[in-house]
Every structure is written in structure tokens, then in C-alpha cells.
Amino acid sequence: MTLVDGLFVLALVLLLTIAASLWRVYAGPRQVDRMMGAQLIGTSGVALVLLLAAATGDPTKLDVAIVLALLAAFAALAFAKTASRDAAGDPENARPEVESFEQRQRDER
């Protein structure tokens, strides 16, 4: 077995991981479980594209992997923002009456 064959075997294992994640996204039962499945799909997709780039010697697939990683990160941020009750992290919804830790530290000095 050559290195390229080993990379394709690892890619097959990642495809099985993606299939299991698709089941988690479909079955749930909670939104958090579905999001974790989607995150695993994104992470496995990035790893799969990187393995295929190494196996085929095609460096343009690295750009695809970077885009997938960014999309997965943005999806996680969007989920965290919508899942929180008070839209945590949204600058438009910041409460001015709540002092930040840095402000309290400066006032104590």
C-alpha cells in the first residue's frame, strides 16, 4: 500500500464520519445536537479536502478547505448567537447599564 492509497483510505473513513454526522443532524433530538453534527461535517469536510489535496497533489484544493473552515466557523457563531436568549455577542443589543470587567478595574484604581 502506497501513501496515496493510505490517504484515500483515510478519506473513506472521513466519509463514514460525515455519514454518521448527517444522521445526528437528521435525528437530533435537540438543536445543540444538530449543530454539533453540522460542525463535525464541516471539520470532516475540511480534513477530507486536505487529504484529497495531498493525495492528488492539487494545491488549489487548499483554498476550498480554507473556505469550508471559515463557513463552519461562521455557522457556529451564528448558531451561538441565535441560540442564546439575549442574543449574546450582538453589539446592537449591548446593555449600556452593564459595566465591563475592564471598566470596573479602571474605576477601582
Foldseek 3Di string as FASTA:
>chain_A
DDPLVVLVVVLVVLVVLLVVLVVQLVVPPDPVSNLVSVLSNLVSVLVNLVSVCVSVVPCVSNVVSVVSVVVSVVSVLVCVQVVDPQSPPDPVSDDPVDDDPVVVVVVVD
